[in-house]
PDB file of all heavy atoms in Angstrom:
ATOM      1  N   ALA A   1       1.689  -7.808  -8.224  1.00  0.00           N
ATOM      2  CA  ALA A   1       1.723  -9.175  -8.736  1.00  0.00           C
ATOM      3  C   ALA A   1       3.096  -9.562  -9.259  1.00  0.00           C
ATOM      4  O   ALA A   1       3.459 -10.743  -9.272  1.00  0.00           O
ATOM      5  CB  ALA A   1       0.674  -9.345  -9.833  1.00  0.00           C
ATOM      6  N   GLY A   2       3.873  -8.588  -9.681  1.00  0.00           N
ATOM      7  CA  GLY A   2       5.217  -8.848 -10.163  1.00  0.00           C
ATOM      8  C   GLY A   2       6.282  -8.741  -9.094  1.00  0.00           C
ATOM      9  O   GLY A   2       7.479  -8.811  -9.405  1.00  0.00           O
ATOM     10  N   GLY A   3       5.870  -8.536  -7.843  1.00  0.00           N
ATOM     11  CA  GLY A   3       6.811  -8.411  -6.745  1.00  0.00           C
ATOM     12  C   GLY A   3       7.422  -7.036  -6.600  1.00  0.00           C
ATOM     13  O   GLY A   3       8.355  -6.849  -5.809  1.00  0.00           O
ATOM     14  N   GLN A   4       6.893  -6.040  -7.320  1.00  0.00           N
ATOM     15  CA  GLN A   4       7.407  -4.680  -7.225  1.00  0.00           C
ATOM     16  C   GLN A   4       6.796  -3.958  -6.024  1.00  0.00           C
ATOM     17  O   GLN A   4       5.583  -4.063  -5.783  1.00  0.00           O
ATOM     18  CB  GLN A   4       7.091  -3.897  -8.504  1.00  0.00           C
ATOM     19  CG  GLN A   4       7.810  -4.423  -9.738  1.00  0.00           C
ATOM     20  CD  GLN A   4       9.305  -4.293  -9.617  1.00  0.00           C
ATOM     21  OE1 GLN A   4       9.825  -3.215  -9.335  1.00  0.00           O
ATOM     22  NE2 GLN A   4      10.010  -5.395  -9.817  1.00  0.00           N
ATOM     23  N   PRO A   5       7.612  -3.220  -5.260  1.00  0.00           N
ATOM     24  CA  PRO A   5       7.089  -2.533  -4.063  1.00  0.00           C
ATOM     25  C   PRO A   5       6.349  -1.247  -4.430  1.00  0.00           C
ATOM     26  O   PRO A   5       6.935  -0.328  -5.007  1.00  0.00           O
ATOM     27  CB  PRO A   5       8.362  -2.238  -3.258  1.00  0.00           C
ATOM     28  CG  PRO A   5       9.436  -2.098  -4.301  1.00  0.00           C
ATOM     29  CD  PRO A   5       9.077  -3.031  -5.412  1.00  0.00           C
ATOM     30  N   ARG A   6       5.105  -1.181  -4.089  1.00  0.00           N
ATOM     31  CA  ARG A   6       4.274  -0.004  -4.379  1.00  0.00           C
ATOM     32  C   ARG A   6       4.052   0.799  -3.099  1.00  0.00           C
ATOM     33  O   ARG A   6       3.625   0.261  -2.074  1.00  0.00           O
ATOM     34  CB  ARG A   6       2.936  -0.431  -4.966  1.00  0.00           C
ATOM     35  CG  ARG A   6       3.063  -1.198  -6.282  1.00  0.00           C
ATOM     36  CD  ARG A   6       3.524  -0.326  -7.422  1.00  0.00           C
ATOM     37  NE  ARG A   6       3.790  -1.086  -8.645  1.00  0.00           N
ATOM     38  CZ  ARG A   6       4.008  -0.525  -9.832  1.00  0.00           C
ATOM     39  NH1 ARG A   6       3.975   0.806  -9.944  1.00  0.00           N
ATOM     40  NH2 ARG A   6       4.269  -1.274 -10.892  1.00  0.00           N
ATOM     41  N   ASP A   7       4.363   2.077  -3.170  1.00  0.00           N
ATOM     42  CA  ASP A   7       4.185   2.987  -2.038  1.00  0.00           C
ATOM     43  C   ASP A   7       2.694   3.238  -1.846  1.00  0.00           C
ATOM     44  O   ASP A   7       2.030   3.797  -2.722  1.00  0.00           O
ATOM     45  CB  ASP A   7       4.925   4.292  -2.322  1.00  0.00           C
ATOM     46  CG  ASP A   7       4.897   5.276  -1.158  1.00  0.00           C
ATOM     47  OD1 ASP A   7       4.020   5.149  -0.286  1.00  0.00           O
ATOM     48  OD2 ASP A   7       5.748   6.188  -1.146  1.00  0.00           O
ATOM     49  N   VAL A   8       2.153   2.827  -0.681  1.00  0.00           N
ATOM     50  CA  VAL A   8       0.718   2.969  -0.435  1.00  0.00           C
ATOM     51  C   VAL A   8       0.421   4.036   0.618  1.00  0.00           C
ATOM     52  O   VAL A   8      -0.685   4.081   1.167  1.00  0.00           O
ATOM     53  CB  VAL A   8       0.097   1.614  -0.018  1.00  0.00           C
ATOM     54  CG1 VAL A   8       0.243   0.592  -1.135  1.00  0.00           C
ATOM     55  CG2 VAL A   8       0.714   1.095   1.275  1.00  0.00           C
ATOM     56  N   SER A   9       1.404   4.903   0.894  1.00  0.00           N
ATOM     57  CA  SER A   9       1.221   5.897   1.953  1.00  0.00           C
ATOM     58  C   SER A   9       0.122   6.896   1.635  1.00  0.00           C
ATOM     59  O   SER A   9      -0.404   7.548   2.551  1.00  0.00           O
ATOM     60  CB  SER A   9       2.535   6.639   2.226  1.00  0.00           C
ATOM     61  OG  SER A   9       3.051   7.235   1.053  1.00  0.00           O
ATOM     62  N   ALA A  10      -0.262   7.033   0.363  1.00  0.00           N
ATOM     63  CA  ALA A  10      -1.385   7.906   0.020  1.00  0.00           C
ATOM     64  C   ALA A  10      -2.715   7.292   0.436  1.00  0.00           C
ATOM     65  O   ALA A  10      -3.714   8.004   0.582  1.00  0.00           O
ATOM     66  CB  ALA A  10      -1.380   8.201  -1.481  1.00  0.00           C
ATOM     67  N   LEU A  11      -2.733   5.981   0.639  1.00  0.00           N
ATOM     68  CA  LEU A  11      -3.955   5.291   1.040  1.00  0.00           C
ATOM     69  C   LEU A  11      -4.018   5.028   2.534  1.00  0.00           C
ATOM     70  O   LEU A  11      -5.095   5.057   3.139  1.00  0.00           O
ATOM     71  CB  LEU A  11      -4.068   3.956   0.290  1.00  0.00           C
ATOM     72  CG  LEU A  11      -4.108   4.036  -1.236  1.00  0.00           C
ATOM     73  CD1 LEU A  11      -4.135   2.636  -1.827  1.00  0.00           C
ATOM     74  CD2 LEU A  11      -5.328   4.828  -1.695  1.00  0.00           C
ATOM     75  N   VAL A  12      -2.860   4.727   3.133  1.00  0.00           N
ATOM     76  CA  VAL A  12      -2.792   4.441   4.564  1.00  0.00           C
ATOM     77  C   VAL A  12      -1.440   4.942   5.068  1.00  0.00           C
ATOM     78  O   VAL A  12      -0.411   4.661   4.456  1.00  0.00           O
ATOM     79  CB  VAL A  12      -2.986   2.930   4.836  1.00  0.00           C
ATOM     80  CG1 VAL A  12      -1.950   2.081   4.128  1.00  0.00           C
ATOM     81  CG2 VAL A  12      -3.001   2.624   6.311  1.00  0.00           C
ATOM     82  N   PRO A  13      -1.400   5.724   6.143  1.00  0.00           N
ATOM     83  CA  PRO A  13      -0.132   6.320   6.568  1.00  0.00           C
ATOM     84  C   PRO A  13       0.890   5.295   7.042  1.00  0.00           C
ATOM     85  O   PRO A  13       2.093   5.509   6.907  1.00  0.00           O
ATOM     86  CB  PRO A  13      -0.539   7.271   7.701  1.00  0.00           C
ATOM     87  CG  PRO A  13      -1.867   6.751   8.178  1.00  0.00           C
ATOM     88  CD  PRO A  13      -2.533   6.184   6.976  1.00  0.00           C
ATOM     89  N   ASP A  14       0.418   4.176   7.601  1.00  0.00           N
ATOM     90  CA  ASP A  14       1.315   3.126   8.073  1.00  0.00           C
ATOM     91  C   ASP A  14       0.450   1.929   8.454  1.00  0.00           C
ATOM     92  O   ASP A  14      -0.776   2.046   8.615  1.00  0.00           O
ATOM     93  CB  ASP A  14       2.137   3.603   9.283  1.00  0.00           C
ATOM     94  CG  ASP A  14       3.377   2.762   9.539  1.00  0.00           C
ATOM     95  OD1 ASP A  14       3.587   1.773   8.803  1.00  0.00           O
ATOM     96  OD2 ASP A  14       4.137   3.088  10.471  1.00  0.00           O
ATOM     97  N   PHE A  15       1.089   0.776   8.588  1.00  0.00           N
ATOM     98  CA  PHE A  15       0.385  -0.426   9.042  1.00  0.00           C
ATOM     99  C   PHE A  15       0.525  -0.496  10.559  1.00  0.00           C
ATOM    100  O   PHE A  15       1.529  -0.962  11.093  1.00  0.00           O
ATOM    101  CB  PHE A  15       0.982  -1.668   8.386  1.00  0.00           C
ATOM    102  CG  PHE A  15       1.039  -1.613   6.883  1.00  0.00           C
ATOM    103  CD1 PHE A  15       2.184  -2.025   6.204  1.00  0.00           C
ATOM    104  CD2 PHE A  15      -0.042  -1.153   6.144  1.00  0.00           C
ATOM    105  CE1 PHE A  15       2.248  -1.994   4.826  1.00  0.00           C
ATOM    106  CE2 PHE A  15       0.008  -1.108   4.753  1.00  0.00           C
ATOM    107  CZ  PHE A  15       1.166  -1.522   4.095  1.00  0.00           C
ATOM    108  N   THR A  16      -0.463  -0.014  11.273  1.00  0.00           N
ATOM    109  CA  THR A  16      -0.424   0.127  12.727  1.00  0.00           C
ATOM    110  C   THR A  16      -1.596  -0.616  13.359  1.00  0.00           C
ATOM    111  O   THR A  16      -2.551  -1.004  12.666  1.00  0.00           O
ATOM    112  CB  THR A  16      -0.512   1.611  13.121  1.00  0.00           C
ATOM    113  OG1 THR A  16      -1.848   2.089  12.839  1.00  0.00           O
ATOM    114  CG2 THR A  16       0.494   2.470  12.348  1.00  0.00           C
ATOM    115  N   PRO A  17      -1.572  -0.797  14.693  1.00  0.00           N
ATOM    116  CA  PRO A  17      -2.733  -1.409  15.343  1.00  0.00           C
ATOM    117  C   PRO A  17      -4.046  -0.679  15.050  1.00  0.00           C
ATOM    118  O   PRO A  17      -5.105  -1.313  15.033  1.00  0.00           O
ATOM    119  CB  PRO A  17      -2.366  -1.338  16.834  1.00  0.00           C
ATOM    120  CG  PRO A  17      -0.879  -1.422  16.842  1.00  0.00           C
ATOM    121  CD  PRO A  17      -0.444  -0.622  15.644  1.00  0.00           C
ATOM    122  N   GLU A  18      -3.947   0.624  14.799  1.00  0.00           N
ATOM    123  CA  GLU A  18      -5.166   1.403  14.516  1.00  0.00           C
ATOM    124  C   GLU A  18      -5.651   1.204  13.085  1.00  0.00           C
ATOM    125  O   GLU A  18      -6.865   1.174  12.824  1.00  0.00           O
ATOM    126  CB  GLU A  18      -4.910   2.887  14.772  1.00  0.00           C
ATOM    127  CG  GLU A  18      -4.697   3.265  16.237  1.00  0.00           C
ATOM    128  CD  GLU A  18      -3.345   2.830  16.778  1.00  0.00           C
ATOM    129  OE1 GLU A  18      -2.369   2.731  15.985  1.00  0.00           O
ATOM    130  OE2 GLU A  18      -3.252   2.563  17.997  1.00  0.00           O
ATOM    131  N   THR A  19      -4.729   1.076  12.125  1.00  0.00           N
ATOM    132  CA  THR A  19      -5.142   0.973  10.714  1.00  0.00           C
ATOM    133  C   THR A  19      -5.328  -0.466  10.245  1.00  0.00           C
ATOM    134  O   THR A  19      -6.012  -0.701   9.238  1.00  0.00           O
ATOM    135  CB  THR A  19      -4.119   1.666   9.794  1.00  0.00           C
ATOM    136  OG1 THR A  19      -2.847   0.985   9.883  1.00  0.00           O
ATOM    137  CG2 THR A  19      -3.942   3.128  10.179  1.00  0.00           C
ATOM    138  N   ILE A  20      -4.735  -1.422  10.941  1.00  0.00           N
ATOM    139  CA  ILE A  20      -4.805  -2.814  10.496  1.00  0.00           C
ATOM    140  C   ILE A  20      -6.242  -3.298  10.263  1.00  0.00           C
ATOM    141  O   ILE A  20      -6.524  -3.939   9.237  1.00  0.00           O
ATOM    142  CB  ILE A  20      -4.050  -3.726  11.484  1.00  0.00           C
ATOM    143  CG1 ILE A  20      -2.544  -3.629  11.215  1.00  0.00           C
ATOM    144  CG2 ILE A  20      -4.519  -5.171  11.399  1.00  0.00           C
ATOM    145  CD1 ILE A  20      -1.669  -4.302  12.253  1.00  0.00           C
ATOM    146  N   PRO A  21      -7.215  -3.004  11.149  1.00  0.00           N
ATOM    147  CA  PRO A  21      -8.568  -3.505  10.900  1.00  0.00           C
ATOM    148  C   PRO A  21      -9.214  -2.938   9.642  1.00  0.00           C
ATOM    149  O   PRO A  21     -10.193  -3.505   9.139  1.00  0.00           O
ATOM    150  CB  PRO A  21      -9.339  -3.070  12.154  1.00  0.00           C
ATOM    151  CG  PRO A  21      -8.303  -2.886  13.205  1.00  0.00           C
ATOM    152  CD  PRO A  21      -7.107  -2.357  12.473  1.00  0.00           C
ATOM    153  N   THR A  22      -8.684  -1.845   9.103  1.00  0.00           N
ATOM    154  CA  THR A  22      -9.289  -1.196   7.936  1.00  0.00           C
ATOM    155  C   THR A  22      -8.634  -1.607   6.625  1.00  0.00           C
ATOM    156  O   THR A  22      -9.116  -1.217   5.550  1.00  0.00           O
ATOM    157  CB  THR A  22      -9.177   0.335   8.064  1.00  0.00           C
ATOM    158  OG1 THR A  22      -7.803   0.751   7.879  1.00  0.00           O
ATOM    159  CG2 THR A  22      -9.656   0.813   9.426  1.00  0.00           C
ATOM    160  N   LEU A  23      -7.540  -2.370   6.657  1.00  0.00           N
ATOM    161  CA  LEU A  23      -6.726  -2.555   5.452  1.00  0.00           C
ATOM    162  C   LEU A  23      -7.482  -3.240   4.321  1.00  0.00           C
ATOM    163  O   LEU A  23      -7.330  -2.870   3.149  1.00  0.00           O
ATOM    164  CB  LEU A  23      -5.465  -3.345   5.792  1.00  0.00           C
ATOM    165  CG  LEU A  23      -4.445  -2.620   6.684  1.00  0.00           C
ATOM    166  CD1 LEU A  23      -3.221  -3.497   6.896  1.00  0.00           C
ATOM    167  CD2 LEU A  23      -4.049  -1.278   6.089  1.00  0.00           C
ATOM    168  N   ARG A  24      -8.265  -4.246   4.626  1.00  0.00           N
ATOM    169  CA  ARG A  24      -8.979  -4.939   3.551  1.00  0.00           C
ATOM    170  C   ARG A  24      -9.919  -3.988   2.813  1.00  0.00           C
ATOM    171  O   ARG A  24     -10.038  -4.043   1.585  1.00  0.00           O
ATOM    172  CB  ARG A  24      -9.730  -6.140   4.103  1.00  0.00           C
ATOM    173  CG  ARG A  24      -8.793  -7.227   4.623  1.00  0.00           C
ATOM    174  CD  ARG A  24      -9.506  -8.538   4.876  1.00  0.00           C
ATOM    175  NE  ARG A  24      -8.607  -9.517   5.458  1.00  0.00           N
ATOM    176  CZ  ARG A  24      -7.767 -10.268   4.779  1.00  0.00           C
ATOM    177  NH1 ARG A  24      -7.712 -10.159   3.460  1.00  0.00           N
ATOM    178  NH2 ARG A  24      -6.974 -11.141   5.390  1.00  0.00           N
ATOM    179  N   ASP A  25     -10.577  -3.098   3.527  1.00  0.00           N
ATOM    180  CA  ASP A  25     -11.452  -2.124   2.880  1.00  0.00           C
ATOM    181  C   ASP A  25     -10.640  -1.084   2.114  1.00  0.00           C
ATOM    182  O   ASP A  25     -11.019  -0.676   1.012  1.00  0.00           O
ATOM    183  CB  ASP A  25     -12.340  -1.429   3.913  1.00  0.00           C
ATOM    184  CG  ASP A  25     -13.396  -2.353   4.492  1.00  0.00           C
ATOM    185  OD1 ASP A  25     -13.751  -3.338   3.816  1.00  0.00           O
ATOM    186  OD2 ASP A  25     -13.847  -2.102   5.624  1.00  0.00           O
ATOM    187  N   VAL A  26      -9.514  -0.649   2.696  1.00  0.00           N
ATOM    188  CA  VAL A  26      -8.677   0.361   2.049  1.00  0.00           C
ATOM    189  C   VAL A  26      -8.202  -0.117   0.679  1.00  0.00           C
ATOM    190  O   VAL A  26      -8.192   0.640  -0.295  1.00  0.00           O
ATOM    191  CB  VAL A  26      -7.474   0.711   2.949  1.00  0.00           C
ATOM    192  CG1 VAL A  26      -6.416   1.484   2.161  1.00  0.00           C
ATOM    193  CG2 VAL A  26      -7.925   1.520   4.161  1.00  0.00           C
ATOM    194  N   PHE A  27      -7.801  -1.385   0.582  1.00  0.00           N
ATOM    195  CA  PHE A  27      -7.207  -1.886  -0.658  1.00  0.00           C
ATOM    196  C   PHE A  27      -8.197  -2.596  -1.569  1.00  0.00           C
ATOM    197  O   PHE A  27      -7.818  -3.052  -2.648  1.00  0.00           O
ATOM    198  CB  PHE A  27      -6.040  -2.813  -0.332  1.00  0.00           C
ATOM    199  CG  PHE A  27      -4.866  -2.096   0.277  1.00  0.00           C
ATOM    200  CD1 PHE A  27      -4.516  -2.302   1.597  1.00  0.00           C
ATOM    201  CD2 PHE A  27      -4.143  -1.171  -0.452  1.00  0.00           C
ATOM    202  CE1 PHE A  27      -3.443  -1.635   2.162  1.00  0.00           C
ATOM    203  CE2 PHE A  27      -3.079  -0.488   0.094  1.00  0.00           C
ATOM    204  CZ  PHE A  27      -2.721  -0.714   1.411  1.00  0.00           C
ATOM    205  N   LYS A  28      -9.445  -2.656  -1.167  1.00  0.00           N
ATOM    206  CA  LYS A  28     -10.449  -3.327  -1.993  1.00  0.00           C
ATOM    207  C   LYS A  28     -10.594  -2.595  -3.325  1.00  0.00           C
ATOM    208  O   LYS A  28     -10.892  -1.401  -3.381  1.00  0.00           O
ATOM    209  CB  LYS A  28     -11.784  -3.363  -1.253  1.00  0.00           C
ATOM    210  CG  LYS A  28     -12.828  -4.231  -1.940  1.00  0.00           C
ATOM    211  CD  LYS A  28     -14.086  -4.329  -1.079  1.00  0.00           C
ATOM    212  CE  LYS A  28     -15.116  -5.239  -1.725  1.00  0.00           C
ATOM    213  NZ  LYS A  28     -16.334  -5.383  -0.874  1.00  0.00           N
ATOM    214  N   GLY A  29     -10.354  -3.308  -4.404  1.00  0.00           N
ATOM    215  CA  GLY A  29     -10.505  -2.737  -5.740  1.00  0.00           C
ATOM    216  C   GLY A  29      -9.370  -1.848  -6.199  1.00  0.00           C
ATOM    217  O   GLY A  29      -9.439  -1.280  -7.301  1.00  0.00           O
ATOM    218  N   VAL A  30      -8.310  -1.697  -5.404  1.00  0.00           N
ATOM    219  CA  VAL A  30      -7.198  -0.822  -5.767  1.00  0.00           C
ATOM    220  C   VAL A  30      -6.303  -1.512  -6.801  1.00  0.00           C
ATOM    221  O   VAL A  30      -5.958  -2.688  -6.651  1.00  0.00           O
ATOM    222  CB  VAL A  30      -6.370  -0.444  -4.517  1.00  0.00           C
ATOM    223  CG1 VAL A  30      -5.081   0.269  -4.922  1.00  0.00           C
ATOM    224  CG2 VAL A  30      -7.193   0.428  -3.589  1.00  0.00           C
ATOM    225  N   ASP A  31      -5.924  -0.790  -7.850  1.00  0.00           N
ATOM    226  CA  ASP A  31      -4.981  -1.265  -8.850  1.00  0.00           C
ATOM    227  C   ASP A  31      -3.576  -0.922  -8.364  1.00  0.00           C
ATOM    228  O   ASP A  31      -3.140   0.225  -8.474  1.00  0.00           O
ATOM    229  CB  ASP A  31      -5.261  -0.610 -10.198  1.00  0.00           C
ATOM    230  CG  ASP A  31      -4.254  -1.017 -11.267  1.00  0.00           C
ATOM    231  OD1 ASP A  31      -3.539  -2.012 -11.060  1.00  0.00           O
ATOM    232  OD2 ASP A  31      -4.187  -0.310 -12.302  1.00  0.00           O
ATOM    233  N   LEU A  32      -2.874  -1.906  -7.807  1.00  0.00           N
ATOM    234  CA  LEU A  32      -1.559  -1.627  -7.240  1.00  0.00           C
ATOM    235  C   LEU A  32      -0.586  -1.111  -8.295  1.00  0.00           C
ATOM    236  O   LEU A  32       0.266  -0.268  -8.002  1.00  0.00           O
ATOM    237  CB  LEU A  32      -0.998  -2.887  -6.585  1.00  0.00           C
ATOM    238  CG  LEU A  32      -1.710  -3.365  -5.315  1.00  0.00           C
ATOM    239  CD1 LEU A  32      -1.100  -4.678  -4.836  1.00  0.00           C
ATOM    240  CD2 LEU A  32      -1.626  -2.307  -4.218  1.00  0.00           C
ATOM    241  N   GLU A  33      -0.691  -1.618  -9.536  1.00  0.00           N
ATOM    242  CA  GLU A  33       0.227  -1.177 -10.578  1.00  0.00           C
ATOM    243  C   GLU A  33       0.063   0.303 -10.906  1.00  0.00           C
ATOM    244  O   GLU A  33       0.946   0.913 -11.514  1.00  0.00           O
ATOM    245  CB  GLU A  33       0.049  -2.020 -11.845  1.00  0.00           C
ATOM    246  CG  GLU A  33       0.685  -3.394 -11.793  1.00  0.00           C
ATOM    247  CD  GLU A  33      -0.068  -4.393 -10.938  1.00  0.00           C
ATOM    248  OE1 GLU A  33      -1.200  -4.063 -10.505  1.00  0.00           O
ATOM    249  OE2 GLU A  33       0.459  -5.488 -10.683  1.00  0.00           O
ATOM    250  N   GLY A  34      -1.052   0.882 -10.484  1.00  0.00           N
ATOM    251  CA  GLY A  34      -1.273   2.307 -10.705  1.00  0.00           C
ATOM    252  C   GLY A  34      -0.664   3.198  -9.643  1.00  0.00           C
ATOM    253  O   GLY A  34      -0.675   4.432  -9.770  1.00  0.00           O
ATOM    254  N   LEU A  35      -0.101   2.592  -8.593  1.00  0.00           N
ATOM    255  CA  LEU A  35       0.522   3.346  -7.506  1.00  0.00           C
ATOM    256  C   LEU A  35       2.016   3.504  -7.777  1.00  0.00           C
ATOM    257  O   LEU A  35       2.627   2.688  -8.472  1.00  0.00           O
ATOM    258  CB  LEU A  35       0.291   2.638  -6.175  1.00  0.00           C
ATOM    259  CG  LEU A  35      -1.161   2.515  -5.719  1.00  0.00           C
ATOM    260  CD1 LEU A  35      -1.259   1.675  -4.452  1.00  0.00           C
ATOM    261  CD2 LEU A  35      -1.779   3.895  -5.497  1.00  0.00           C
ATOM    262  N   PRO A  36       2.654   4.530  -7.199  1.00  0.00           N
ATOM    263  CA  PRO A  36       4.082   4.749  -7.466  1.00  0.00           C
ATOM    264  C   PRO A  36       4.942   3.658  -6.856  1.00  0.00           C
ATOM    265  O   PRO A  36       4.614   3.094  -5.804  1.00  0.00           O
ATOM    266  CB  PRO A  36       4.353   6.110  -6.811  1.00  0.00           C
ATOM    267  CG  PRO A  36       3.291   6.254  -5.768  1.00  0.00           C
ATOM    268  CD  PRO A  36       2.077   5.584  -6.330  1.00  0.00           C
ATOM    269  N   LEU A  37       6.057   3.390  -7.523  1.00  0.00           N
ATOM    270  CA  LEU A  37       7.036   2.473  -6.948  1.00  0.00           C
ATOM    271  C   LEU A  37       7.680   3.110  -5.729  1.00  0.00           C
ATOM    272  O   LEU A  37       7.979   4.311  -5.722  1.00  0.00           O
ATOM    273  CB  LEU A  37       8.110   2.127  -7.974  1.00  0.00           C
ATOM    274  CG  LEU A  37       7.688   1.183  -9.103  1.00  0.00           C
ATOM    275  CD1 LEU A  37       8.773   1.129 -10.164  1.00  0.00           C
ATOM    276  CD2 LEU A  37       7.413  -0.218  -8.549  1.00  0.00           C
ATOM    277  N   ALA A  38       7.876   2.329  -4.692  1.00  0.00           N
ATOM    278  CA  ALA A  38       8.535   2.836  -3.486  1.00  0.00           C
ATOM    279  C   ALA A  38      10.038   2.941  -3.732  1.00  0.00           C
ATOM    280  O   ALA A  38      10.629   2.119  -4.437  1.00  0.00           O
ATOM    281  CB  ALA A  38       8.261   1.900  -2.308  1.00  0.00           C
ATOM    282  N   GLN A  39      10.651   3.941  -3.139  1.00  0.00           N
ATOM    283  CA  GLN A  39      12.100   4.117  -3.223  1.00  0.00           C
ATOM    284  C   GLN A  39      12.747   3.308  -2.105  1.00  0.00           C
ATOM    285  O   GLN A  39      12.841   3.757  -0.967  1.00  0.00           O
ATOM    286  CB  GLN A  39      12.452   5.605  -3.114  1.00  0.00           C
ATOM    287  CG  GLN A  39      11.809   6.480  -4.184  1.00  0.00           C
ATOM    288  CD  GLN A  39      12.185   6.036  -5.584  1.00  0.00           C
ATOM    289  OE1 GLN A  39      13.357   5.831  -5.888  1.00  0.00           O
ATOM    290  NE2 GLN A  39      11.183   5.904  -6.449  1.00  0.00           N
ATOM    291  N   THR A  40      13.168   2.102  -2.439  1.00  0.00           N
ATOM    292  CA  THR A  40      13.677   1.183  -1.421  1.00  0.00           C
ATOM    293  C   THR A  40      15.188   0.970  -1.497  1.00  0.00           C
ATOM    294  O   THR A  40      15.754   0.359  -0.592  1.00  0.00           O
ATOM    295  CB  THR A  40      12.983  -0.184  -1.544  1.00  0.00           C
ATOM    296  OG1 THR A  40      13.260  -0.738  -2.840  1.00  0.00           O
ATOM    297  CG2 THR A  40      11.468  -0.033  -1.377  1.00  0.00           C
ATOM    298  N   GLN A  41      15.814   1.451  -2.556  1.00  0.00           N
ATOM    299  CA  GLN A  41      17.253   1.224  -2.712  1.00  0.00           C
ATOM    300  C   GLN A  41      18.020   1.807  -1.537  1.00  0.00           C
ATOM    301  O   GLN A  41      17.916   2.995  -1.224  1.00  0.00           O
ATOM    302  CB  GLN A  41      17.745   1.863  -4.011  1.00  0.00           C
ATOM    303  CG  GLN A  41      19.191   1.550  -4.361  1.00  0.00           C
ATOM    304  CD  GLN A  41      19.410   0.096  -4.743  1.00  0.00           C
ATOM    305  OE1 GLN A  41      18.521  -0.548  -5.277  1.00  0.00           O
ATOM    306  NE2 GLN A  41      20.586  -0.419  -4.444  1.00  0.00           N
ATOM    307  N   GLY A  42      18.813   0.967  -0.869  1.00  0.00           N
ATOM    308  CA  GLY A  42      19.619   1.425   0.252  1.00  0.00           C
ATOM    309  C   GLY A  42      18.838   1.686   1.528  1.00  0.00           C
ATOM    310  O   GLY A  42      19.423   2.132   2.526  1.00  0.00           O
TER     311      GLY A  42
END
């Protein structure tokens, strides 16, 4: 909600044609702020 990037690889390995149909169920009820920040610098 604050625009911070949260690493979700523990929930889904990648956003692919195979995983896309499952994403709404995967993230249902998930507290994003409880997930680690992604290392995006550089």
